[in-house]
Amino acid sequence: LNHMRANARFDPAGKTALDIGASTGGFTQVLLEAGAEKVFAIDVGSGQFHPSLAGDARIRLIENLNARDLTAGHLDGVAPDFIVCDASFISLKLVLPPALALAASGAAGIFLVKPQFEVGRENLGKGGIVKDEEMAMAAAQNLSNWLDEQPGWRSIDVIPSPIEGGYGNREFLLFGEKC
């Protein structure tokens, strides 16, 4: 996420952010360090959030919530103007639509694309590794095209993640904005 600082459009300073797939809170921590005013941290699991973040008044941790079931009520009626997502074991096409719909006009988004959850099991090798590098890149581009089809959203860029995914899977960062 630190790559976002190179582009003012993706600066969370002073904004209300939504972190989907918060897990231990890594993205939440980066958002706060970059100046986010508030972060709604959503995760389908529980008990993973790092204790050093748990008491921070700027964070509203919502555990045991599948992001597919996210409503404005979960966000206290606040439309987030910055969304990040690091979800596992599910396609972004399934997990992002409610958040995209709830986002404020002008919102920015940074979504971690994990091709192993986008290409289908038949295209995975041993250990869940995407067999073909071109297929991994195609999955990222496919999600970029999909984002362009979401009401009000447009894809800005897709870049390789500077951090390799678990077990050697290549991951990508998809940048978008709501017009």
N, C-alpha and C. Protein backbone atom coordinates (compact mmCIF):
# COMPACT_ATOMS: atom_id res chain seq x y z
N LEU A 1 0.81 -1.20 0.00
CA LEU A 1 0.00 0.00 0.00
C LEU A 1 0.85 1.26 0.00
N ASN A 2 2.08 1.15 0.42
CA ASN A 2 2.92 2.34 0.43
C ASN A 2 3.14 2.90 -0.96
N HIS A 3 2.90 2.11 -2.01
CA HIS A 3 2.99 2.62 -3.38
C HIS A 3 1.94 3.70 -3.64
N MET A 4 0.87 3.70 -2.87
CA MET A 4 -0.19 4.68 -3.09
C MET A 4 0.29 6.10 -2.87
N ARG A 5 1.29 6.27 -2.04
CA ARG A 5 1.76 7.62 -1.73
C ARG A 5 2.38 8.32 -2.93
N ALA A 6 2.73 7.56 -3.96
CA ALA A 6 3.30 8.15 -5.17
C ALA A 6 2.24 8.87 -5.99
N ASN A 7 0.97 8.64 -5.70
CA ASN A 7 -0.12 9.24 -6.45
C ASN A 7 -1.07 9.90 -5.47
N ALA A 8 -1.20 11.21 -5.53
CA ALA A 8 -2.03 11.95 -4.58
C ALA A 8 -3.48 11.46 -4.58
N ARG A 9 -3.94 10.95 -5.69
CA ARG A 9 -5.30 10.45 -5.79
C ARG A 9 -5.52 9.30 -4.81
N PHE A 10 -4.45 8.59 -4.47
CA PHE A 10 -4.55 7.45 -3.58
C PHE A 10 -3.94 7.73 -2.21
N ASP A 11 -4.12 8.95 -1.74
CA ASP A 11 -3.64 9.35 -0.42
C ASP A 11 -4.81 9.28 0.56
N PRO A 12 -4.74 8.43 1.58
CA PRO A 12 -5.86 8.29 2.50
C PRO A 12 -5.91 9.34 3.61
N ALA A 13 -4.99 10.29 3.61
CA ALA A 13 -4.94 11.30 4.68
C ALA A 13 -6.27 12.03 4.82
N GLY A 14 -6.78 12.05 6.05
CA GLY A 14 -8.02 12.75 6.34
C GLY A 14 -9.28 12.06 5.87
N LYS A 15 -9.16 10.84 5.37
CA LYS A 15 -10.32 10.14 4.80
C LYS A 15 -10.82 9.03 5.71
N THR A 16 -12.04 8.62 5.44
CA THR A 16 -12.63 7.46 6.10
C THR A 16 -12.41 6.27 5.19
N ALA A 17 -11.74 5.26 5.70
CA ALA A 17 -11.37 4.10 4.88
C ALA A 17 -12.14 2.86 5.31
N LEU A 18 -12.23 1.95 4.37
CA LEU A 18 -12.83 0.64 4.59
C LEU A 18 -11.79 -0.40 4.20
N ASP A 19 -11.45 -1.27 5.15
CA ASP A 19 -10.48 -2.34 4.92
C ASP A 19 -11.23 -3.67 4.91
N ILE A 20 -11.35 -4.26 3.74
CA ILE A 20 -12.05 -5.55 3.59
C ILE A 20 -11.02 -6.66 3.65
N GLY A 21 -11.27 -7.63 4.52
CA GLY A 21 -10.30 -8.70 4.72
C GLY A 21 -9.20 -8.23 5.64
N ALA A 22 -9.58 -7.55 6.71
CA ALA A 22 -8.61 -6.88 7.60
C ALA A 22 -7.63 -7.85 8.26
N SER A 23 -8.07 -9.05 8.58
CA SER A 23 -7.20 -10.07 9.17
C SER A 23 -6.44 -9.51 10.38
N THR A 24 -5.12 -9.43 10.30
CA THR A 24 -4.31 -8.95 11.43
C THR A 24 -4.22 -7.43 11.48
N GLY A 25 -4.69 -6.75 10.43
CA GLY A 25 -4.71 -5.29 10.44
C GLY A 25 -3.57 -4.61 9.72
N GLY A 26 -2.84 -5.34 8.88
CA GLY A 26 -1.71 -4.74 8.17
C GLY A 26 -2.08 -3.56 7.31
N PHE A 27 -3.12 -3.71 6.48
CA PHE A 27 -3.55 -2.59 5.63
C PHE A 27 -4.12 -1.46 6.50
N THR A 28 -4.84 -1.81 7.55
CA THR A 28 -5.39 -0.80 8.46
C THR A 28 -4.26 0.03 9.06
N GLN A 29 -3.21 -0.61 9.50
CA GLN A 29 -2.07 0.09 10.08
C GLN A 29 -1.44 1.06 9.07
N VAL A 30 -1.26 0.61 7.84
CA VAL A 30 -0.68 1.47 6.81
C VAL A 30 -1.59 2.67 6.54
N LEU A 31 -2.90 2.44 6.50
CA LEU A 31 -3.85 3.54 6.28
C LEU A 31 -3.74 4.58 7.39
N LEU A 32 -3.67 4.12 8.63
CA LEU A 32 -3.57 5.05 9.75
C LEU A 32 -2.24 5.80 9.73
N GLU A 33 -1.16 5.09 9.44
CA GLU A 33 0.15 5.74 9.36
C GLU A 33 0.19 6.79 8.25
N ALA A 34 -0.63 6.59 7.22
CA ALA A 34 -0.69 7.54 6.10
C ALA A 34 -1.70 8.66 6.36
N GLY A 35 -2.32 8.64 7.54
CA GLY A 35 -3.19 9.76 7.92
C GLY A 35 -4.68 9.55 7.80
N ALA A 36 -5.14 8.32 7.56
CA ALA A 36 -6.58 8.07 7.51
C ALA A 36 -7.21 8.51 8.83
N GLU A 37 -8.37 9.15 8.73
CA GLU A 37 -9.06 9.65 9.92
C GLU A 37 -9.75 8.53 10.68
N LYS A 38 -10.35 7.60 9.93
CA LYS A 38 -11.07 6.47 10.52
C LYS A 38 -10.97 5.29 9.57
N VAL A 39 -10.93 4.08 10.14
CA VAL A 39 -10.90 2.86 9.33
C VAL A 39 -11.94 1.89 9.87
N PHE A 40 -12.84 1.48 8.98
CA PHE A 40 -13.74 0.38 9.27
C PHE A 40 -13.02 -0.88 8.80
N ALA A 41 -12.64 -1.73 9.74
CA ALA A 41 -11.89 -2.95 9.43
C ALA A 41 -12.83 -4.14 9.49
N ILE A 42 -13.07 -4.76 8.33
CA ILE A 42 -14.04 -5.85 8.20
C ILE A 42 -13.31 -7.16 7.97
N ASP A 43 -13.73 -8.20 8.69
CA ASP A 43 -13.18 -9.52 8.41
C ASP A 43 -14.23 -10.59 8.70
N VAL A 44 -14.21 -11.63 7.89
CA VAL A 44 -15.14 -12.74 8.06
C VAL A 44 -14.77 -13.59 9.27
N GLY A 45 -13.51 -13.53 9.68
CA GLY A 45 -13.04 -14.29 10.83
C GLY A 45 -13.07 -13.45 12.10
N SER A 46 -12.45 -13.98 13.14
CA SER A 46 -12.36 -13.24 14.39
C SER A 46 -11.09 -13.63 15.13
N GLY A 47 -10.67 -12.75 16.02
CA GLY A 47 -9.52 -13.03 16.85
C GLY A 47 -8.18 -12.94 16.16
N GLN A 48 -8.12 -12.34 14.98
CA GLN A 48 -6.87 -12.23 14.24
C GLN A 48 -6.23 -10.84 14.36
N PHE A 49 -7.04 -9.83 14.63
CA PHE A 49 -6.58 -8.44 14.62
C PHE A 49 -5.48 -8.25 15.66
N HIS A 50 -4.41 -7.58 15.27
CA HIS A 50 -3.25 -7.43 16.15
C HIS A 50 -3.62 -6.60 17.38
N PRO A 51 -3.22 -7.06 18.56
CA PRO A 51 -3.55 -6.35 19.80
C PRO A 51 -3.10 -4.89 19.83
N SER A 52 -2.01 -4.57 19.15
CA SER A 52 -1.52 -3.19 19.16
C SER A 52 -2.48 -2.23 18.46
N LEU A 53 -3.37 -2.76 17.62
CA LEU A 53 -4.34 -1.93 16.91
C LEU A 53 -5.72 -1.95 17.57
N ALA A 54 -5.99 -2.97 18.33
CA ALA A 54 -7.33 -3.21 18.85
C ALA A 54 -7.90 -2.05 19.66
N GLY A 55 -7.07 -1.31 20.38
CA GLY A 55 -7.56 -0.22 21.21
C GLY A 55 -7.58 1.14 20.54
N ASP A 56 -7.20 1.21 19.28
CA ASP A 56 -7.12 2.49 18.58
C ASP A 56 -8.53 3.01 18.28
N ALA A 57 -8.86 4.19 18.80
CA ALA A 57 -10.19 4.77 18.65
C ALA A 57 -10.54 5.10 17.20
N ARG A 58 -9.54 5.18 16.34
CA ARG A 58 -9.80 5.48 14.92
C ARG A 58 -10.27 4.26 14.15
N ILE A 59 -10.21 3.09 14.78
CA ILE A 59 -10.57 1.83 14.11
C ILE A 59 -11.90 1.32 14.64
N ARG A 60 -12.77 0.97 13.72
CA ARG A 60 -14.00 0.25 14.08
C ARG A 60 -13.85 -1.15 13.51
N LEU A 61 -13.54 -2.11 14.36
CA LEU A 61 -13.34 -3.49 13.95
C LEU A 61 -14.68 -4.21 13.92
N ILE A 62 -14.98 -4.80 12.77
CA ILE A 62 -16.22 -5.56 12.60
C ILE A 62 -15.82 -6.96 12.17
N GLU A 63 -15.86 -7.88 13.12
CA GLU A 63 -15.47 -9.26 12.84
C GLU A 63 -16.71 -10.11 12.54
N ASN A 64 -16.45 -11.30 12.01
CA ASN A 64 -17.52 -12.25 11.68
C ASN A 64 -18.52 -11.68 10.69
N LEU A 65 -18.05 -10.82 9.80
CA LEU A 65 -18.92 -10.25 8.77
C LEU A 65 -18.35 -10.58 7.40
N ASN A 66 -19.11 -11.31 6.62
CA ASN A 66 -18.75 -11.57 5.24
C ASN A 66 -19.00 -10.27 4.47
N ALA A 67 -18.01 -9.77 3.79
CA ALA A 67 -18.12 -8.49 3.07
C ALA A 67 -19.25 -8.50 2.04
N ARG A 68 -19.67 -9.69 1.61
CA ARG A 68 -20.82 -9.77 0.68
C ARG A 68 -22.11 -9.30 1.36
N ASP A 69 -22.11 -9.29 2.69
CA ASP A 69 -23.29 -8.89 3.46
C ASP A 69 -23.17 -7.48 4.03
N LEU A 70 -22.16 -6.74 3.63
CA LEU A 70 -21.92 -5.39 4.13
C LEU A 70 -23.06 -4.45 3.74
N THR A 71 -23.51 -3.66 4.73
CA THR A 71 -24.56 -2.66 4.49
C THR A 71 -24.10 -1.31 5.04
N ALA A 72 -24.83 -0.27 4.70
CA ALA A 72 -24.53 1.07 5.22
C ALA A 72 -24.62 1.08 6.74
N GLY A 73 -25.49 0.26 7.31
CA GLY A 73 -25.63 0.19 8.76
C GLY A 73 -24.35 -0.26 9.45
N HIS A 74 -23.61 -1.16 8.82
CA HIS A 74 -22.33 -1.60 9.40
C HIS A 74 -21.33 -0.45 9.47
N LEU A 75 -21.50 0.53 8.59
CA LEU A 75 -20.57 1.66 8.50
C LEU A 75 -21.16 2.92 9.13
N ASP A 76 -22.17 2.73 9.97
CA ASP A 76 -22.84 3.85 10.65
C ASP A 76 -23.35 4.88 9.65
N GLY A 77 -23.73 4.43 8.46
CA GLY A 77 -24.25 5.33 7.44
C GLY A 77 -23.19 6.16 6.74
N VAL A 78 -21.93 5.94 7.08
CA VAL A 78 -20.83 6.70 6.48
C VAL A 78 -20.43 6.06 5.15
N ALA A 79 -20.31 6.87 4.12
CA ALA A 79 -19.84 6.37 2.82
C ALA A 79 -18.32 6.50 2.80
N PRO A 80 -17.60 5.38 2.79
CA PRO A 80 -16.14 5.46 2.80
C PRO A 80 -15.59 6.12 1.54
N ASP A 81 -14.53 6.90 1.71
CA ASP A 81 -13.92 7.52 0.54
C ASP A 81 -12.56 6.92 0.21
N PHE A 82 -12.26 5.78 0.85
CA PHE A 82 -11.05 5.05 0.52
C PHE A 82 -11.30 3.58 0.87
N ILE A 83 -11.10 2.68 -0.08
CA ILE A 83 -11.34 1.25 0.14
C ILE A 83 -10.09 0.47 -0.21
N VAL A 84 -9.73 -0.44 0.68
CA VAL A 84 -8.67 -1.40 0.39
C VAL A 84 -9.23 -2.80 0.61
N CYS A 85 -8.66 -3.77 -0.09
CA CYS A 85 -9.14 -5.14 0.06
C CYS A 85 -7.99 -6.12 -0.12
N ASP A 86 -7.86 -6.99 0.85
CA ASP A 86 -6.92 -8.11 0.80
C ASP A 86 -7.69 -9.34 1.27
N ALA A 87 -8.53 -9.86 0.38
CA ALA A 87 -9.38 -11.01 0.70
C ALA A 87 -8.74 -12.29 0.16
N SER A 88 -8.98 -13.38 0.87
CA SER A 88 -8.46 -14.68 0.45
C SER A 88 -9.60 -15.68 0.31
N PHE A 89 -9.37 -16.67 -0.53
CA PHE A 89 -10.28 -17.79 -0.73
C PHE A 89 -11.61 -17.39 -1.37
N ILE A 90 -11.63 -16.23 -2.03
CA ILE A 90 -12.84 -15.76 -2.70
C ILE A 90 -12.43 -14.76 -3.79
N SER A 91 -13.19 -14.74 -4.86
CA SER A 91 -12.93 -13.79 -5.94
C SER A 91 -13.32 -12.38 -5.50
N LEU A 92 -12.55 -11.40 -5.94
CA LEU A 92 -12.90 -10.01 -5.67
C LEU A 92 -14.24 -9.65 -6.30
N LYS A 93 -14.59 -10.33 -7.37
CA LYS A 93 -15.88 -10.07 -8.03
C LYS A 93 -17.06 -10.40 -7.11
N LEU A 94 -16.84 -11.27 -6.16
CA LEU A 94 -17.89 -11.64 -5.21
C LEU A 94 -17.87 -10.77 -3.95
N VAL A 95 -16.68 -10.39 -3.52
CA VAL A 95 -16.55 -9.71 -2.23
C VAL A 95 -16.67 -8.18 -2.33
N LEU A 96 -16.34 -7.59 -3.46
CA LEU A 96 -16.29 -6.12 -3.55
C LEU A 96 -17.61 -5.40 -3.84
N PRO A 97 -18.58 -5.97 -4.56
CA PRO A 97 -19.74 -5.17 -4.96
C PRO A 97 -20.44 -4.36 -3.87
N PRO A 98 -20.72 -4.91 -2.68
CA PRO A 98 -21.37 -4.05 -1.68
C PRO A 98 -20.52 -2.84 -1.29
N ALA A 99 -19.23 -3.03 -1.10
CA ALA A 99 -18.35 -1.92 -0.72
C ALA A 99 -18.29 -0.87 -1.83
N LEU A 100 -18.20 -1.32 -3.07
CA LEU A 100 -18.14 -0.38 -4.19
C LEU A 100 -19.41 0.45 -4.25
N ALA A 101 -20.55 -0.19 -4.00
CA ALA A 101 -21.83 0.52 -4.04
C ALA A 101 -21.95 1.54 -2.90
N LEU A 102 -21.39 1.23 -1.75
CA LEU A 102 -21.50 2.11 -0.58
C LEU A 102 -20.49 3.25 -0.58
N ALA A 103 -19.48 3.18 -1.44
CA ALA A 103 -18.41 4.19 -1.46
C ALA A 103 -18.93 5.56 -1.87
N ALA A 104 -18.30 6.58 -1.33
CA ALA A 104 -18.62 7.96 -1.68
C ALA A 104 -18.16 8.26 -3.10
N SER A 105 -18.80 9.23 -3.71
CA SER A 105 -18.34 9.71 -5.01
C SER A 105 -16.93 10.28 -4.82
N GLY A 106 -16.03 9.95 -5.71
CA GLY A 106 -14.65 10.38 -5.60
C GLY A 106 -13.78 9.43 -4.79
N ALA A 107 -14.37 8.34 -4.30
CA ALA A 107 -13.61 7.37 -3.50
C ALA A 107 -12.50 6.74 -4.33
N ALA A 108 -11.43 6.37 -3.65
CA ALA A 108 -10.33 5.65 -4.27
C ALA A 108 -10.32 4.23 -3.73
N GLY A 109 -9.80 3.31 -4.52
CA GLY A 109 -9.71 1.93 -4.08
C GLY A 109 -8.40 1.29 -4.49
N ILE A 110 -7.86 0.49 -3.60
CA ILE A 110 -6.67 -0.32 -3.89
C ILE A 110 -7.02 -1.75 -3.48
N PHE A 111 -7.02 -2.63 -4.47
CA PHE A 111 -7.47 -3.99 -4.26
C PHE A 111 -6.35 -4.97 -4.61
N LEU A 112 -6.03 -5.86 -3.68
CA LEU A 112 -5.00 -6.86 -3.91
C LEU A 112 -5.60 -8.01 -4.71
N VAL A 113 -5.10 -8.18 -5.92
CA VAL A 113 -5.58 -9.25 -6.81
C VAL A 113 -4.74 -10.49 -6.57
N LYS A 114 -5.39 -11.56 -6.16
CA LYS A 114 -4.74 -12.85 -5.93
C LYS A 114 -5.24 -13.81 -7.00
N PRO A 115 -4.48 -13.96 -8.08
CA PRO A 115 -4.96 -14.76 -9.21
C PRO A 115 -5.40 -16.17 -8.85
N GLN A 116 -4.81 -16.76 -7.81
CA GLN A 116 -5.18 -18.12 -7.44
C GLN A 116 -6.65 -18.23 -7.05
N PHE A 117 -7.29 -17.10 -6.70
CA PHE A 117 -8.71 -17.12 -6.35
C PHE A 117 -9.58 -16.59 -7.49
N GLU A 118 -8.96 -16.35 -8.64
CA GLU A 118 -9.67 -15.80 -9.79
C GLU A 118 -9.68 -16.72 -11.01
N VAL A 119 -8.71 -17.62 -11.11
CA VAL A 119 -8.54 -18.39 -12.36
C VAL A 119 -9.26 -19.73 -12.39
N GLY A 120 -9.78 -20.19 -11.28
CA GLY A 120 -10.42 -21.50 -11.24
C GLY A 120 -9.43 -22.58 -10.84
N ARG A 121 -9.91 -23.55 -10.12
CA ARG A 121 -9.05 -24.62 -9.60
C ARG A 121 -8.33 -25.40 -10.68
N GLU A 122 -8.98 -25.53 -11.83
CA GLU A 122 -8.36 -26.30 -12.92
C GLU A 122 -7.08 -25.66 -13.44
N ASN A 123 -6.85 -24.39 -13.10
CA ASN A 123 -5.66 -23.68 -13.56
C ASN A 123 -4.60 -23.52 -12.47
N LEU A 124 -4.76 -24.27 -11.40
CA LEU A 124 -3.81 -24.22 -10.30
C LEU A 124 -2.95 -25.47 -10.29
N GLY A 125 -1.69 -25.27 -10.00
CA GLY A 125 -0.78 -26.39 -9.86
C GLY A 125 -0.71 -26.83 -8.41
N LYS A 126 0.27 -27.63 -8.12
CA LYS A 126 0.47 -28.15 -6.77
C LYS A 126 0.63 -26.99 -5.79
N GLY A 127 -0.03 -27.09 -4.66
CA GLY A 127 0.07 -26.06 -3.63
C GLY A 127 -0.73 -24.80 -3.93
N GLY A 128 -1.61 -24.85 -4.94
CA GLY A 128 -2.44 -23.69 -5.26
C GLY A 128 -1.73 -22.60 -6.04
N ILE A 129 -0.63 -22.95 -6.68
CA ILE A 129 0.13 -21.97 -7.47
C ILE A 129 -0.48 -21.87 -8.87
N VAL A 130 -0.69 -20.63 -9.34
CA VAL A 130 -1.18 -20.43 -10.71
C VAL A 130 -0.11 -20.95 -11.66
N LYS A 131 -0.50 -21.87 -12.53
CA LYS A 131 0.45 -22.57 -13.40
C LYS A 131 1.14 -21.66 -14.41
N ASP A 132 0.43 -20.68 -14.90
CA ASP A 132 0.89 -19.89 -16.04
C ASP A 132 0.95 -18.41 -15.66
N GLU A 133 2.13 -17.80 -15.76
CA GLU A 133 2.30 -16.38 -15.43
C GLU A 133 1.39 -15.49 -16.27
N GLU A 134 1.22 -15.84 -17.55
CA GLU A 134 0.34 -15.05 -18.41
C GLU A 134 -1.11 -15.12 -17.93
N MET A 135 -1.49 -16.29 -17.41
CA MET A 135 -2.84 -16.44 -16.88
C MET A 135 -3.03 -15.57 -15.64
N ALA A 136 -2.01 -15.47 -14.81
CA ALA A 136 -2.08 -14.62 -13.63
C ALA A 136 -2.26 -13.16 -14.04
N MET A 137 -1.50 -12.71 -15.03
CA MET A 137 -1.62 -11.34 -15.52
C MET A 137 -2.99 -11.11 -16.16
N ALA A 138 -3.49 -12.11 -16.87
CA ALA A 138 -4.80 -12.00 -17.50
C ALA A 138 -5.90 -11.89 -16.44
N ALA A 139 -5.74 -12.59 -15.33
CA ALA A 139 -6.72 -12.50 -14.25
C ALA A 139 -6.76 -11.08 -13.68
N ALA A 140 -5.60 -10.47 -13.52
CA ALA A 140 -5.54 -9.10 -13.02
C ALA A 140 -6.19 -8.14 -14.01
N GLN A 141 -5.92 -8.32 -15.29
CA GLN A 141 -6.52 -7.46 -16.31
C GLN A 141 -8.03 -7.66 -16.38
N ASN A 142 -8.46 -8.91 -16.21
CA ASN A 142 -9.89 -9.21 -16.20
C ASN A 142 -10.59 -8.47 -15.06
N LEU A 143 -9.96 -8.43 -13.90
CA LEU A 143 -10.55 -7.70 -12.77
C LEU A 143 -10.56 -6.20 -13.03
N SER A 144 -9.54 -5.70 -13.70
CA SER A 144 -9.51 -4.30 -14.07
C SER A 144 -10.70 -3.97 -14.98
N ASN A 145 -10.93 -4.82 -15.97
CA ASN A 145 -12.07 -4.64 -16.87
C ASN A 145 -13.39 -4.73 -16.11
N TRP A 146 -13.47 -5.68 -15.18
CA TRP A 146 -14.67 -5.85 -14.37
C TRP A 146 -14.95 -4.58 -13.56
N LEU A 147 -13.90 -3.99 -12.96
CA LEU A 147 -14.08 -2.78 -12.17
C LEU A 147 -14.66 -1.65 -13.02
N ASP A 148 -14.22 -1.57 -14.27
CA ASP A 148 -14.76 -0.56 -15.19
C ASP A 148 -16.26 -0.73 -15.42
N GLU A 149 -16.76 -1.93 -15.22
CA GLU A 149 -18.19 -2.22 -15.43
C GLU A 149 -19.04 -1.96 -14.19
N GLN A 150 -18.40 -1.70 -13.06
CA GLN A 150 -19.14 -1.46 -11.82
C GLN A 150 -19.65 -0.02 -11.82
N PRO A 151 -20.92 0.18 -11.42
CA PRO A 151 -21.53 1.52 -11.49
C PRO A 151 -20.68 2.60 -10.83
N GLY A 152 -20.27 3.57 -11.65
CA GLY A 152 -19.52 4.72 -11.18
C GLY A 152 -18.02 4.51 -11.04
N TRP A 153 -17.54 3.29 -11.19
CA TRP A 153 -16.13 2.99 -10.96
C TRP A 153 -15.35 2.91 -12.25
N ARG A 154 -14.07 3.26 -12.14
CA ARG A 154 -13.17 3.05 -13.28
C ARG A 154 -11.82 2.60 -12.75
N SER A 155 -11.22 1.73 -13.51
CA SER A 155 -9.88 1.23 -13.18
C SER A 155 -8.86 2.27 -13.62
N ILE A 156 -7.88 2.51 -12.78
CA ILE A 156 -6.81 3.46 -13.09
C ILE A 156 -5.55 2.73 -13.54
N ASP A 157 -5.21 1.65 -12.84
CA ASP A 157 -3.97 0.94 -13.15
C ASP A 157 -3.95 -0.41 -12.45
N VAL A 158 -3.18 -1.32 -13.00
CA VAL A 158 -2.89 -2.61 -12.37
C VAL A 158 -1.38 -2.77 -12.43
N ILE A 159 -0.78 -3.02 -11.27
CA ILE A 159 0.67 -3.20 -11.23
C ILE A 159 1.01 -4.46 -10.44
N PRO A 160 2.14 -5.08 -10.74
CA PRO A 160 2.56 -6.22 -9.92
C PRO A 160 2.80 -5.75 -8.48
N SER A 161 2.36 -6.55 -7.54
CA SER A 161 2.61 -6.23 -6.14
C SER A 161 4.11 -6.34 -5.86
N PRO A 162 4.65 -5.40 -5.09
CA PRO A 162 6.07 -5.49 -4.76
C PRO A 162 6.36 -6.64 -3.79
N ILE A 163 5.30 -7.20 -3.20
CA ILE A 163 5.45 -8.31 -2.27
C ILE A 163 4.86 -9.56 -2.92
N GLU A 164 5.64 -10.62 -2.96
CA GLU A 164 5.16 -11.87 -3.54
C GLU A 164 4.13 -12.49 -2.62
N GLY A 165 3.10 -13.09 -3.23
CA GLY A 165 2.07 -13.75 -2.45
C GLY A 165 2.57 -15.01 -1.79
N GLY A 166 1.75 -15.55 -0.92
CA GLY A 166 2.10 -16.78 -0.22
C GLY A 166 2.41 -17.91 -1.17
N TYR A 167 3.40 -18.67 -0.85
CA TYR A 167 3.80 -19.86 -1.61
C TYR A 167 4.25 -19.54 -3.04
N GLY A 168 4.60 -18.28 -3.30
CA GLY A 168 5.15 -17.92 -4.59
C GLY A 168 4.16 -17.44 -5.63
N ASN A 169 2.89 -17.30 -5.28
CA ASN A 169 1.92 -16.77 -6.23
C ASN A 169 2.18 -15.30 -6.49
N ARG A 170 2.10 -14.90 -7.75
CA ARG A 170 2.27 -13.51 -8.16
C ARG A 170 0.97 -12.79 -7.88
N GLU A 171 1.03 -11.64 -7.21
CA GLU A 171 -0.15 -10.85 -6.92
C GLU A 171 -0.02 -9.48 -7.56
N PHE A 172 -1.14 -8.76 -7.63
CA PHE A 172 -1.19 -7.47 -8.31
C PHE A 172 -1.99 -6.49 -7.46
N LEU A 173 -1.73 -5.21 -7.66
CA LEU A 173 -2.51 -4.15 -7.03
C LEU A 173 -3.34 -3.48 -8.11
N LEU A 174 -4.65 -3.45 -7.90
CA LEU A 174 -5.59 -2.81 -8.81
C LEU A 174 -6.01 -1.50 -8.17
N PHE A 175 -5.79 -0.41 -8.88
CA PHE A 175 -6.15 0.93 -8.41
C PHE A 175 -7.39 1.39 -9.17
N GLY A 176 -8.37 1.92 -8.45
CA GLY A 176 -9.57 2.41 -9.11
C GLY A 176 -10.13 3.62 -8.38
N GLU A 177 -11.10 4.27 -9.03
CA GLU A 177 -11.76 5.39 -8.38
C GLU A 177 -13.22 5.43 -8.80
N LYS A 178 -14.03 5.98 -7.89
CA LYS A 178 -15.46 6.14 -8.16
C LYS A 178 -15.69 7.57 -8.62
N CYS A 179 -16.22 7.70 -9.79
CA CYS A 179 -16.42 9.02 -10.39
C CYS A 179 -17.69 9.68 -9.88
